[in-house]
Amino acid sequence: MSMITASIWVPRGAAAAFPTKYDVDENELARISKLAKLQLQDAEEDLEGARNGHSNHSEGDKSADDEDGDTKMTPSNKDADDDLKEYDLDNYDSAAAPQDGETMAMFGNARSLAYHQSNAEDPYITMQENEEEDEEREDLQVLATDNMVVAAKVEDEVAHLEIYVYEDEVDNLYVHHDIMLPAIPLCVEWLDLPVGKGTTNSSTKGNFVAVGTFDPDIELWDLDTIDSMYPNAILGQGGEEKKAEAGDEKRKKKRKKSKKANDNYHVDAVLALAANRQHRNLLASSSADKTVKLWDLTTQRCAKSYSHHTDKVCSIAWHPEEAAVLLSGSYDRTLVAADLRATDAKVPRWGVESDVETVAWDPHDTNYFYVTTEAGMVHYHDRRKAPSSPESSKAVWTLQAHGESISSFDINPAIPGFLASGSTDKEVKLWNVQPTGPSMVVSRNLDVGKVFTTKFAPDPEVAFRLAVGGSKGTLQIWDTSTNAAVRNAFAHRVGPTHGEVKERLIGVDEDSSDSEDEGGVEPGAEAGGGETGWESMDDD
């Protein structure tokens, strides 16, 4: 099994030119030792529980065997035991007592290892590494004209983030590095605030990603650090445990996980994340536990919890201009635009015909917002015309965009009226919204399987680039400006061209012989070519 469940672009210039290698210094050693100790204690408690359960289950079988008489050792078994005595296997797990202040904790003996400031001082290294280091440093370089794309991926039951670098000028997309995750990722959000990096101020910038998974905790990772072992911060009960400086008994009581929703952390899968771009220290999350939570990234604690819905909350979005207004959509078939400052006020609520999939504000006219549903519908609502009840909701317009669930949806931030929708019907559709209503520009099967993510690039220089991923586990960058229908619909935004324009679909080039271009794939080539090549790109 391989699939991409979510993706997010990183703006140009946000990533460090030369990412740093993960360095285990004294402070980091102490931090990961604590984390590892807690994980080890968790594993020991789980093992003890399993053993107790197995012991109780097998007690009846053991007593039944005893009634049949004692088991006698056969000569062959006795000889085998005599042969193994010399290895003293009974004391195999016993370790010598610590000496000279050494500790038995994980990584506890790291300080006693021989260490040289440089390989030139190490007598066992004869090949110097300057040339190799320079080459590796060059390979990791991220240019100011490059974009990063973070994709949440599951491959062979292994969950991880793949951080791609997209070089638009040479049509190249490659995996820069990856980050291992503890559970299947469901959502990602880019953060420009350094988290877990000590004191920060309003001008401090970072390159971080928040990840929501089937676990109730939210992990925050530094994208400019390669080969990290643990996240920089954890929002949720897991983070609270790691901050606690209490005894074991108190910790064990805290550790008991309850499925009952509370005001401090999520207790079920995290389904959506939204960073507040005006107040950079605020991150909103929504969960299958039916709550929306507001996190303060400076304290890494939940500042407030909201229960506006009666079912899973699957999508959230901050208002582009009013920093305190959050739009949320739920499987209870309603959506709410709430001012999070007014906790006791009645919130405006709209209703739709089926489960909500995604919600999004219109960045070009912030009085309006979009909603997509499991039934394949797109609703366009005026926030100023809130209904008296969800049942009486009336949209400005509705659109039957797909025959199946609209699992992904995005609005181009630079080009008004340019929308993209992706569905479990494996189609990606581009739309042009005009005052008279929406019209489809083009529909394509990009050979990614069921479409789970469609994201427009955030920078004006690459405004027409669309990242698409799905159930086949591949990420494609579609340069929509090279499509004839798109060029006709948005001619005022597409620069002049000379001669024939070939459509561009850029993916990771696994084998350079598969494509004439660097990572580029001509649409239709894999489908047999011809004028209708794209139309025949079908999973079935």
Protein backbone atom coordinates (compact mmCIF):
# COMPACT_ATOMS: atom_id res chain seq x y z
CA MET A 1 0.00 0.00 0.00
CA SER A 2 1.25 3.44 -0.94
CA MET A 3 -0.64 6.73 -0.86
CA ILE A 4 -0.23 10.46 -0.39
CA THR A 5 -2.87 11.76 2.00
CA ALA A 6 -2.02 15.47 2.17
CA SER A 7 0.45 18.06 0.90
CA ILE A 8 1.50 21.67 1.43
CA TRP A 9 3.79 24.08 -0.44
CA VAL A 10 6.59 26.01 1.24
CA PRO A 11 6.98 29.54 -0.19
CA ARG A 12 10.16 30.45 -2.01
CA GLY A 13 12.91 31.77 0.22
CA ALA A 14 11.45 30.26 3.41
CA ALA A 15 13.76 27.24 3.45
CA ALA A 16 17.37 27.55 4.58
CA ALA A 17 19.85 27.57 1.69
CA PHE A 18 21.88 24.84 3.38
CA PRO A 19 19.85 22.64 5.78
CA THR A 20 21.74 21.49 8.84
CA LYS A 21 22.45 17.92 9.85
CA TYR A 22 20.86 16.73 13.04
CA ASP A 23 23.46 17.25 15.78
CA VAL A 24 23.29 15.44 19.12
CA ASP A 25 24.85 17.91 21.54
CA GLU A 26 24.60 17.77 25.35
CA ASN A 27 21.17 19.41 25.49
CA GLU A 28 19.76 17.32 22.66
CA LEU A 29 21.19 14.16 24.23
CA ALA A 30 19.38 14.93 27.46
CA ARG A 31 16.14 15.65 25.59
CA ILE A 32 16.10 12.46 23.53
CA SER A 33 17.16 10.42 26.54
CA LYS A 34 14.07 11.62 28.38
CA LEU A 35 11.89 10.91 25.35
CA ALA A 36 13.39 7.47 24.89
CA LYS A 37 12.96 6.69 28.60
CA LEU A 38 9.30 7.63 28.47
CA GLN A 39 8.76 5.50 25.36
CA LEU A 40 10.57 2.61 27.02
CA GLN A 41 8.39 2.90 30.11
CA ASP A 42 5.29 2.97 27.92
CA ALA A 43 6.45 -0.18 26.14
CA GLU A 44 7.23 -1.92 29.46
CA GLU A 45 3.80 -1.10 30.82
CA ASP A 46 2.13 -2.39 27.66
CA LEU A 47 4.24 -5.56 27.82
CA GLU A 48 3.40 -6.09 31.49
CA GLY A 49 -0.27 -5.73 30.72
CA ALA A 50 -0.02 -8.21 27.87
CA ARG A 51 1.84 -10.66 30.09
CA ASN A 52 -0.77 -10.41 32.82
CA GLY A 53 -3.53 -11.03 30.33
CA HIS A 54 -1.68 -14.02 28.87
CA SER A 55 -0.94 -15.39 32.34
CA ASN A 56 -4.58 -15.26 33.35
CA HIS A 57 -5.62 -16.84 30.09
CA SER A 58 -3.15 -19.73 30.33
CA GLU A 59 -3.58 -20.46 34.05
CA GLY A 60 -6.42 -22.88 33.40
CA ASP A 61 -4.43 -24.73 30.74
CA LYS A 62 -1.44 -25.05 33.09
CA SER A 63 -3.51 -26.52 35.92
CA ALA A 64 -5.01 -29.03 33.52
CA ASP A 65 -1.55 -30.15 32.46
CA ASP A 66 -0.48 -30.56 36.09
CA GLU A 67 -3.30 -33.03 36.65
CA ASP A 68 -1.75 -35.35 34.06
CA GLY A 69 1.50 -35.58 36.08
CA ASP A 70 4.88 -33.92 36.02
CA THR A 71 6.64 -33.75 32.70
CA LYS A 72 9.83 -35.75 32.63
CA MET A 73 12.94 -34.47 30.90
CA THR A 74 14.06 -36.66 28.05
CA PRO A 75 17.76 -37.57 27.75
CA SER A 76 18.12 -35.48 24.61
CA ASN A 77 16.75 -32.38 26.35
CA LYS A 78 19.08 -32.96 29.32
CA ASP A 79 22.13 -33.23 27.08
CA ALA A 80 21.14 -30.06 25.29
CA ASP A 81 20.89 -28.20 28.59
CA ASP A 82 24.36 -29.43 29.60
CA ASP A 83 25.81 -28.15 26.33
CA LEU A 84 24.28 -24.69 26.85
CA LYS A 85 25.48 -24.29 30.45
CA GLU A 86 28.84 -22.95 29.38
CA TYR A 87 27.10 -19.91 27.80
CA ASP A 88 25.34 -19.03 31.08
CA LEU A 89 22.17 -18.02 29.22
CA ASP A 90 20.26 -17.61 32.47
CA ASN A 91 22.33 -14.51 33.16
CA TYR A 92 22.48 -13.34 29.54
CA ASP A 93 20.42 -10.20 30.15
CA SER A 94 22.27 -9.29 33.33
CA ALA A 95 24.59 -6.34 32.93
CA ALA A 96 27.58 -5.27 34.95
CA ALA A 97 26.97 -2.60 37.52
CA PRO A 98 27.60 0.95 36.32
CA GLN A 99 31.01 2.34 37.13
CA ASP A 100 32.58 5.77 37.25
CA GLY A 101 29.24 7.56 37.22
CA GLU A 102 27.97 5.88 34.06
CA THR A 103 24.24 5.35 33.79
CA MET A 104 22.23 2.45 32.47
CA ALA A 105 19.74 4.73 30.68
CA MET A 106 19.44 4.68 26.92
CA PHE A 107 22.30 6.67 25.34
CA GLY A 108 23.76 6.86 28.86
CA ASN A 109 27.24 5.75 27.79
CA ALA A 110 27.51 8.20 24.89
CA ARG A 111 29.82 10.50 26.85
CA SER A 112 32.36 7.71 27.36
CA LEU A 113 32.87 7.15 23.64
CA ALA A 114 36.04 8.38 21.96
CA TYR A 115 35.36 11.57 20.05
CA HIS A 116 37.49 13.72 17.75
CA GLN A 117 36.69 17.28 16.77
CA SER A 118 37.54 16.48 13.15
CA ASN A 119 38.24 13.36 11.15
CA ALA A 120 41.76 14.65 10.53
CA GLU A 121 42.53 13.92 14.18
CA ASP A 122 41.11 10.40 14.05
CA PRO A 123 43.99 7.91 13.40
CA TYR A 124 41.57 5.34 11.98
CA ILE A 125 40.34 7.56 9.15
CA THR A 126 42.74 7.83 6.25
CA MET A 127 40.33 9.37 3.68
CA GLN A 128 39.59 13.00 4.42
CA GLU A 129 36.04 14.17 3.92
CA ASN A 130 36.30 17.77 2.72
CA GLU A 131 35.49 16.90 -0.86
CA GLU A 132 32.66 14.59 0.14
CA GLU A 133 31.26 17.15 2.55
CA ASP A 134 31.31 19.86 -0.11
CA GLU A 135 29.54 17.58 -2.57
CA GLU A 136 26.91 16.58 0.00
CA ARG A 137 26.42 20.20 1.00
CA GLU A 138 25.85 21.12 -2.63
CA ASP A 139 23.34 18.29 -3.05
CA LEU A 140 21.33 19.56 -0.07
CA GLN A 141 21.33 23.19 -1.19
CA VAL A 142 17.93 24.81 -1.71
CA LEU A 143 18.02 27.82 -4.05
CA ALA A 144 15.98 30.97 -3.59
CA THR A 145 14.06 30.08 -6.77
CA ASP A 146 13.18 26.58 -5.50
CA ASN A 147 9.94 25.55 -3.86
CA MET A 148 9.57 22.87 -1.23
CA VAL A 149 6.53 20.60 -1.23
CA VAL A 150 5.76 18.54 1.87
CA ALA A 151 3.77 15.37 1.22
CA ALA A 152 2.27 13.12 3.91
CA LYS A 153 2.82 9.57 2.70
CA VAL A 154 2.16 5.97 3.68
CA GLU A 155 4.27 3.33 1.95
CA ASP A 156 4.26 -0.37 2.88
CA GLU A 157 2.62 0.52 6.20
CA VAL A 158 5.44 2.98 7.00
CA ALA A 159 4.26 6.54 7.65
CA HIS A 160 6.53 9.46 6.83
CA LEU A 161 6.80 12.94 5.36
CA GLU A 162 8.53 13.35 2.01
CA ILE A 163 10.05 16.80 1.52
CA TYR A 164 10.39 17.52 -2.20
CA VAL A 165 12.28 20.29 -3.94
CA TYR A 166 10.67 21.64 -7.10
CA GLU A 167 12.95 23.40 -9.61
CA ASP A 168 10.57 25.08 -12.01
CA GLU A 169 13.15 26.38 -14.46
CA VAL A 170 14.44 22.88 -15.28
CA ASP A 171 11.21 20.89 -14.72
CA ASN A 172 12.76 18.89 -11.90
CA LEU A 173 11.13 17.38 -8.80
CA TYR A 174 13.07 15.25 -6.33
CA VAL A 175 12.88 14.05 -2.73
CA HIS A 176 15.22 16.20 -0.63
CA HIS A 177 14.80 14.29 2.65
CA ASP A 178 12.12 12.55 4.66
CA ILE A 179 10.82 12.40 8.24
CA MET A 180 9.55 9.23 9.89
CA LEU A 181 6.18 9.43 11.67
CA PRO A 182 4.59 7.28 14.38
CA ALA A 183 1.17 6.96 12.71
CA ILE A 184 -0.59 7.48 9.37
CA PRO A 185 -0.59 11.25 8.60
CA LEU A 186 -3.90 12.90 7.75
CA CYS A 187 -3.05 16.60 7.45
CA VAL A 188 -0.07 18.97 7.28
CA GLU A 189 0.33 22.71 7.76
CA TRP A 190 3.36 24.92 7.16
CA LEU A 191 4.54 27.22 9.98
CA ASP A 192 6.93 30.17 9.73
CA LEU A 193 7.46 30.39 13.51
CA PRO A 194 10.39 28.53 15.08
CA VAL A 195 9.06 26.11 17.69
CA GLY A 196 11.21 24.59 20.40
CA LYS A 197 14.09 26.90 19.48
CA GLY A 198 14.18 29.02 22.62
CA THR A 199 13.07 32.65 22.81
CA THR A 200 11.48 34.07 19.65
CA ASN A 201 10.19 37.49 18.66
CA SER A 202 7.86 38.85 15.99
CA SER A 203 10.63 39.02 13.40
CA THR A 204 11.99 35.51 13.94
CA LYS A 205 11.31 33.25 10.98
CA GLY A 206 11.39 29.50 10.69
CA ASN A 207 10.53 26.65 8.35
CA PHE A 208 8.41 24.15 10.25
CA VAL A 209 5.59 21.75 9.53
CA ALA A 210 2.76 20.62 11.81
CA VAL A 211 1.50 17.07 11.25
CA GLY A 212 -1.82 15.55 12.33
CA THR A 213 -2.14 11.76 12.36
CA PHE A 214 -4.42 8.98 13.54
CA ASP A 215 -2.81 9.60 16.94
CA PRO A 216 -4.32 12.50 18.91
CA ASP A 217 -0.99 14.34 19.25
CA ILE A 218 0.27 16.99 16.81
CA GLU A 219 3.98 16.86 15.94
CA LEU A 220 6.02 19.92 14.92
CA TRP A 221 9.16 19.34 12.82
CA ASP A 222 11.92 21.62 11.57
CA LEU A 223 12.16 21.25 7.79
CA ASP A 224 15.64 22.78 7.76
CA THR A 225 17.10 19.92 9.81
CA ILE A 226 18.04 16.63 8.17
CA ASP A 227 17.78 13.20 9.86
CA SER A 228 15.92 14.40 12.96
CA MET A 229 15.14 11.68 15.48
CA TYR A 230 12.33 13.36 17.39
CA PRO A 231 9.97 16.30 16.68
CA ASN A 232 10.85 19.73 18.00
CA ALA A 233 7.57 19.85 19.90
CA ILE A 234 4.43 17.80 20.50
CA LEU A 235 1.02 19.39 21.06
CA GLY A 236 -1.28 17.16 23.09
CA GLN A 237 -1.18 14.66 25.90
CA GLY A 238 2.13 13.25 24.68
CA GLY A 239 3.68 16.71 24.96
CA GLU A 240 2.20 17.23 28.41
CA GLU A 241 3.76 13.97 29.64
CA LYS A 242 7.18 14.93 28.34
CA LYS A 243 7.01 18.31 30.09
CA ALA A 244 5.88 16.86 33.39
CA GLU A 245 8.46 16.70 36.13
CA ALA A 246 6.38 14.49 38.38
CA GLY A 247 6.99 11.06 39.89
CA ASP A 248 6.24 7.75 38.23
CA GLU A 249 2.97 7.19 40.08
CA LYS A 250 1.62 10.56 39.06
CA ARG A 251 2.81 10.01 35.52
CA LYS A 252 1.10 6.63 35.27
CA LYS A 253 -2.14 8.19 36.36
CA LYS A 254 -1.77 10.92 33.76
CA ARG A 255 -0.84 8.44 31.09
CA LYS A 256 -4.17 6.63 31.14
CA LYS A 257 -5.70 7.82 27.91
CA SER A 258 -9.39 8.63 27.98
CA LYS A 259 -11.59 8.85 24.91
CA LYS A 260 -13.64 11.56 26.63
CA ALA A 261 -13.13 14.96 25.01
CA ASN A 262 -11.55 17.61 27.23
CA ASP A 263 -10.25 21.18 27.09
CA ASN A 264 -6.52 20.35 27.15
CA TYR A 265 -5.81 18.00 24.24
CA HIS A 266 -7.39 15.87 21.54
CA VAL A 267 -8.33 12.28 22.30
CA ASP A 268 -8.84 11.07 18.73
CA ALA A 269 -7.35 11.49 15.25
CA VAL A 270 -6.38 15.01 14.14
CA LEU A 271 -8.17 15.68 10.84
CA ALA A 272 -7.24 19.29 9.97
CA LEU A 273 -4.75 22.03 10.88
CA ALA A 274 -4.76 25.76 10.15
CA ALA A 275 -2.02 28.27 11.00
CA ASN A 276 -3.07 31.83 11.74
CA ARG A 277 -1.01 34.04 9.37
CA GLN A 278 -1.76 37.23 11.33
CA HIS A 279 -1.02 35.85 14.78
CA ARG A 280 1.83 33.47 13.99
CA ASN A 281 1.85 31.83 17.40
CA LEU A 282 -1.67 30.45 16.95
CA LEU A 283 -2.48 27.07 15.40
CA ALA A 284 -6.00 25.64 15.14
CA SER A 285 -6.73 21.93 14.93
CA SER A 286 -9.87 19.84 14.48
CA SER A 287 -10.39 16.23 15.37
CA ALA A 288 -12.54 13.15 15.23
CA ASP A 289 -13.29 13.87 18.90
CA LYS A 290 -15.72 16.55 17.61
CA THR A 291 -13.72 19.49 18.99
CA VAL A 292 -11.68 22.39 17.60
CA LYS A 293 -8.66 23.44 19.63
CA LEU A 294 -6.57 26.60 19.61
CA TRP A 295 -2.88 26.12 20.42
CA ASP A 296 -0.33 28.68 21.56
CA LEU A 297 2.93 27.66 19.90
CA THR A 298 5.05 29.68 22.30
CA THR A 299 3.83 27.71 25.32
CA GLN A 300 2.94 24.60 23.30
CA ARG A 301 -0.32 24.28 25.20
CA CYS A 302 -4.01 24.37 24.30
CA ALA A 303 -5.33 27.89 24.88
CA LYS A 304 -9.00 27.12 24.23
CA SER A 305 -11.28 24.29 23.13
CA TYR A 306 -14.53 24.64 21.16
CA SER A 307 -17.43 22.22 20.69
CA HIS A 308 -19.52 23.71 17.92
CA HIS A 309 -20.23 20.39 16.20
CA THR A 310 -21.84 17.05 17.02
CA ASP A 311 -19.65 14.88 14.78
CA LYS A 312 -16.09 14.70 13.45
CA VAL A 313 -14.69 18.11 12.44
CA CYS A 314 -12.86 17.46 9.17
CA SER A 315 -11.86 20.89 7.86
CA ILE A 316 -11.01 24.35 9.24
CA ALA A 317 -9.85 27.67 7.75
CA TRP A 318 -8.92 31.04 9.26
CA HIS A 319 -10.50 34.16 7.79
CA PRO A 320 -7.89 35.95 5.61
CA GLU A 321 -8.53 39.36 7.23
CA GLU A 322 -10.38 38.85 10.53
CA ALA A 323 -7.80 37.01 12.58
CA ALA A 324 -10.25 35.70 15.20
CA VAL A 325 -12.80 34.14 12.82
CA LEU A 326 -12.47 30.43 12.08
CA LEU A 327 -14.55 28.47 9.58
CA SER A 328 -15.14 24.80 10.40
CA GLY A 329 -16.96 21.97 8.63
CA SER A 330 -18.15 18.68 10.07
CA TYR A 331 -19.60 15.28 9.32
CA ASP A 332 -22.73 16.56 11.09
CA ARG A 333 -23.42 18.28 7.73
CA THR A 334 -23.01 21.80 9.10
CA LEU A 335 -20.37 24.51 8.95
CA VAL A 336 -19.73 27.29 11.43
CA ALA A 337 -18.02 30.69 11.10
CA ALA A 338 -17.16 31.46 14.72
CA ASP A 339 -15.45 34.43 16.33
CA LEU A 340 -13.22 32.57 18.78
CA ARG A 341 -13.07 35.57 21.11
CA ALA A 342 -16.82 35.38 21.81
CA THR A 343 -17.01 31.96 23.41
CA ASP A 344 -20.58 32.37 24.66
CA ALA A 345 -22.07 33.98 21.55
CA LYS A 346 -24.37 32.09 19.21
CA VAL A 347 -22.41 31.11 16.12
CA PRO A 348 -23.77 31.39 12.55
CA ARG A 349 -24.37 27.92 11.14
CA TRP A 350 -25.02 26.68 7.59
CA GLY A 351 -26.22 23.26 6.44
CA VAL A 352 -25.40 21.12 3.39
CA GLU A 353 -26.85 17.97 1.88
CA SER A 354 -24.12 15.52 2.97
CA ASP A 355 -20.93 15.24 5.04
CA VAL A 356 -18.58 18.22 4.67
CA GLU A 357 -15.18 17.44 3.09
CA THR A 358 -13.41 20.81 2.84
CA VAL A 359 -14.05 24.46 3.66
CA ALA A 360 -12.16 27.51 2.33
CA TRP A 361 -12.51 31.28 2.35
CA ASP A 362 -12.37 33.12 -0.96
CA PRO A 363 -9.08 35.08 -0.69
CA HIS A 364 -10.20 37.49 -3.39
CA ASP A 365 -13.54 38.38 -1.72
CA THR A 366 -13.44 37.49 1.95
CA ASN A 367 -17.20 37.84 2.43
CA TYR A 368 -17.62 34.50 0.70
CA PHE A 369 -16.51 30.94 1.36
CA TYR A 370 -16.58 27.55 -0.39
CA VAL A 371 -17.75 24.18 0.91
CA THR A 372 -17.29 20.80 -0.75
CA THR A 373 -19.17 17.66 0.25
CA GLU A 374 -19.12 13.90 0.10
CA ALA A 375 -21.85 14.02 -2.56
CA GLY A 376 -19.53 15.82 -5.01
CA MET A 377 -21.13 19.25 -4.53
CA VAL A 378 -19.51 22.68 -4.24
CA HIS A 379 -21.43 25.39 -2.34
CA TYR A 380 -20.57 29.10 -2.47
CA HIS A 381 -21.97 31.05 0.50
CA ASP A 382 -22.17 34.70 1.52
CA ARG A 383 -21.07 35.00 5.13
CA ARG A 384 -23.22 38.09 5.60
CA LYS A 385 -26.40 36.09 4.90
CA ALA A 386 -26.36 33.56 7.71
CA PRO A 387 -29.56 31.48 7.84
CA SER A 388 -31.85 31.28 10.84
CA SER A 389 -31.31 27.52 10.87
CA PRO A 390 -29.02 25.13 8.94
CA GLU A 391 -32.02 23.69 7.12
CA SER A 392 -32.84 27.08 5.60
CA SER A 393 -29.36 27.66 4.18
CA LYS A 394 -29.26 29.15 0.71
CA ALA A 395 -26.03 29.30 -1.29
CA VAL A 396 -25.13 31.96 -3.84
CA TRP A 397 -24.64 29.03 -6.21
CA THR A 398 -24.12 25.28 -6.05
CA LEU A 399 -22.26 23.02 -8.44
CA GLN A 400 -22.31 19.26 -8.99
CA ALA A 401 -18.57 19.13 -9.63
CA HIS A 402 -17.92 15.38 -9.32
CA GLY A 403 -19.86 12.13 -9.19
CA GLU A 404 -18.08 11.10 -5.99
CA SER A 405 -16.68 12.76 -2.87
CA ILE A 406 -14.62 15.94 -3.40
CA SER A 407 -11.67 14.97 -1.23
CA SER A 408 -9.48 17.97 -2.13
CA PHE A 409 -10.14 21.55 -3.14
CA ASP A 410 -8.05 24.69 -3.54
CA ILE A 411 -8.36 28.30 -4.67
CA ASN A 412 -5.55 29.93 -6.59
CA PRO A 413 -4.16 32.70 -4.33
CA ALA A 414 -2.91 34.83 -7.24
CA ILE A 415 -5.56 34.33 -9.94
CA PRO A 416 -9.16 35.25 -8.98
CA GLY A 417 -11.77 32.67 -9.92
CA PHE A 418 -9.30 29.86 -10.61
CA LEU A 419 -10.28 26.73 -8.66
CA ALA A 420 -9.08 23.13 -8.56
CA SER A 421 -11.00 20.14 -7.25
CA GLY A 422 -9.95 16.52 -6.84
CA SER A 423 -12.14 13.53 -6.18
CA THR A 424 -12.17 9.85 -5.37
CA ASP A 425 -13.40 9.45 -8.98
CA LYS A 426 -9.68 9.98 -9.86
CA GLU A 427 -10.36 13.21 -11.76
CA VAL A 428 -8.80 16.63 -11.26
CA LYS A 429 -10.96 19.47 -12.54
CA LEU A 430 -10.11 23.14 -13.05
CA TRP A 431 -12.83 25.78 -12.81
CA ASN A 432 -13.32 29.38 -13.81
CA VAL A 433 -15.67 31.30 -11.52
CA GLN A 434 -17.19 34.42 -13.08
CA PRO A 435 -20.01 36.71 -11.91
CA THR A 436 -22.46 34.52 -13.81
CA GLY A 437 -21.25 31.38 -12.02
CA PRO A 438 -18.65 28.63 -12.35
CA SER A 439 -17.69 26.80 -15.54
CA MET A 440 -15.35 23.85 -15.99
CA VAL A 441 -12.15 24.61 -17.86
CA VAL A 442 -10.64 21.13 -18.11
CA SER A 443 -10.86 17.70 -16.50
CA ARG A 444 -7.88 15.33 -16.33
CA ASN A 445 -6.89 11.98 -14.90
CA LEU A 446 -3.29 12.54 -13.77
CA ASP A 447 -2.65 8.88 -12.96
CA VAL A 448 -2.33 9.41 -9.20
CA GLY A 449 -5.28 7.17 -8.32
CA LYS A 450 -8.00 8.55 -6.09
CA VAL A 451 -7.12 12.20 -5.60
CA PHE A 452 -6.52 13.20 -1.97
CA THR A 453 -4.67 16.50 -2.35
CA THR A 454 -4.62 19.40 -4.84
CA LYS A 455 -2.61 22.49 -3.89
CA PHE A 456 -1.72 25.59 -5.92
CA ALA A 457 1.78 27.02 -5.45
CA PRO A 458 1.79 30.13 -3.20
CA ASP A 459 4.23 32.28 -5.20
CA PRO A 460 3.13 34.51 -8.12
CA GLU A 461 6.06 33.27 -10.25
CA VAL A 462 4.62 29.72 -10.18
CA ALA A 463 0.96 30.56 -9.63
CA PHE A 464 -0.23 28.09 -12.27
CA ARG A 465 1.58 25.09 -10.74
CA LEU A 466 -0.70 22.55 -9.06
CA ALA A 467 0.58 19.74 -6.79
CA VAL A 468 -1.56 16.61 -6.99
CA GLY A 469 -1.28 13.37 -5.00
CA GLY A 470 -3.45 10.37 -4.29
CA SER A 471 -3.88 6.68 -3.64
CA LYS A 472 -1.01 5.58 -5.90
CA GLY A 473 1.56 7.30 -3.69
CA THR A 474 2.96 9.59 -6.41
CA LEU A 475 3.16 13.38 -6.42
CA GLN A 476 2.76 15.29 -9.69
CA ILE A 477 3.28 18.99 -10.40
CA TRP A 478 0.97 20.10 -13.20
CA ASP A 479 1.87 23.33 -14.98
CA THR A 480 -1.71 24.27 -15.82
CA SER A 481 -0.59 27.31 -17.85
CA THR A 482 0.57 24.91 -20.57
CA ASN A 483 -2.99 23.62 -21.07
CA ALA A 484 -4.74 25.24 -24.02
CA ALA A 485 -8.12 25.52 -22.28
CA VAL A 486 -6.55 27.18 -19.24
CA ARG A 487 -4.63 29.58 -21.45
CA ASN A 488 -7.85 30.59 -23.16
CA ALA A 489 -9.80 31.00 -19.90
CA PHE A 490 -7.07 33.02 -18.14
CA ALA A 491 -5.37 34.64 -21.11
CA HIS A 492 -4.98 37.91 -19.19
CA ARG A 493 -2.69 36.17 -16.68
CA VAL A 494 -0.65 33.96 -19.02
CA GLY A 495 2.39 35.47 -20.67
CA PRO A 496 2.81 35.46 -24.45
CA THR A 497 4.31 32.36 -26.04
CA HIS A 498 5.88 31.55 -29.36
CA GLY A 499 5.22 28.34 -31.24
CA GLU A 500 3.60 25.20 -29.91
CA VAL A 501 3.24 24.81 -26.14
CA LYS A 502 3.49 21.31 -24.71
CA GLU A 503 1.67 20.50 -21.53
CA ARG A 504 3.96 19.82 -18.56
CA LEU A 505 3.42 17.26 -15.84
CA ILE A 506 6.47 16.92 -13.58
CA GLY A 507 7.00 13.96 -11.28
CA VAL A 508 9.91 12.32 -9.52
CA ASP A 509 12.17 10.84 -12.19
CA GLU A 510 12.77 7.33 -10.86
CA ASP A 511 14.58 6.25 -14.01
CA SER A 512 16.16 8.84 -16.25
CA SER A 513 15.58 6.59 -19.26
CA ASP A 514 11.82 6.84 -18.76
CA SER A 515 11.70 10.47 -19.78
CA GLU A 516 13.55 12.71 -22.17
CA ASP A 517 13.22 15.66 -19.82
CA GLU A 518 14.60 15.98 -16.28
CA GLY A 519 11.65 14.65 -14.34
CA GLY A 520 9.24 15.96 -16.96
CA VAL A 521 6.53 13.77 -18.43
CA GLU A 522 4.62 14.82 -21.48
CA PRO A 523 0.92 14.32 -20.79
CA GLY A 524 -0.42 11.43 -22.81
CA ALA A 525 2.97 9.80 -23.37
CA GLU A 526 2.39 7.03 -20.85
CA ALA A 527 -1.15 6.58 -22.05
CA GLY A 528 -0.18 5.71 -25.56
CA GLY A 529 0.22 9.20 -26.99
CA GLY A 530 -2.02 10.68 -29.61
CA GLU A 531 -4.33 13.65 -29.34
CA THR A 532 -6.50 11.92 -26.75
CA GLY A 533 -3.60 10.55 -24.72
CA TRP A 534 -4.58 12.39 -21.55
CA GLU A 535 -8.18 11.28 -21.79
CA SER A 536 -7.06 7.64 -21.80
CA MET A 537 -4.97 7.93 -18.61
CA ASP A 538 -7.25 5.68 -16.60
CA ASP A 539 -6.40 3.51 -13.60
CA ASP A 540 -8.75 0.84 -14.78
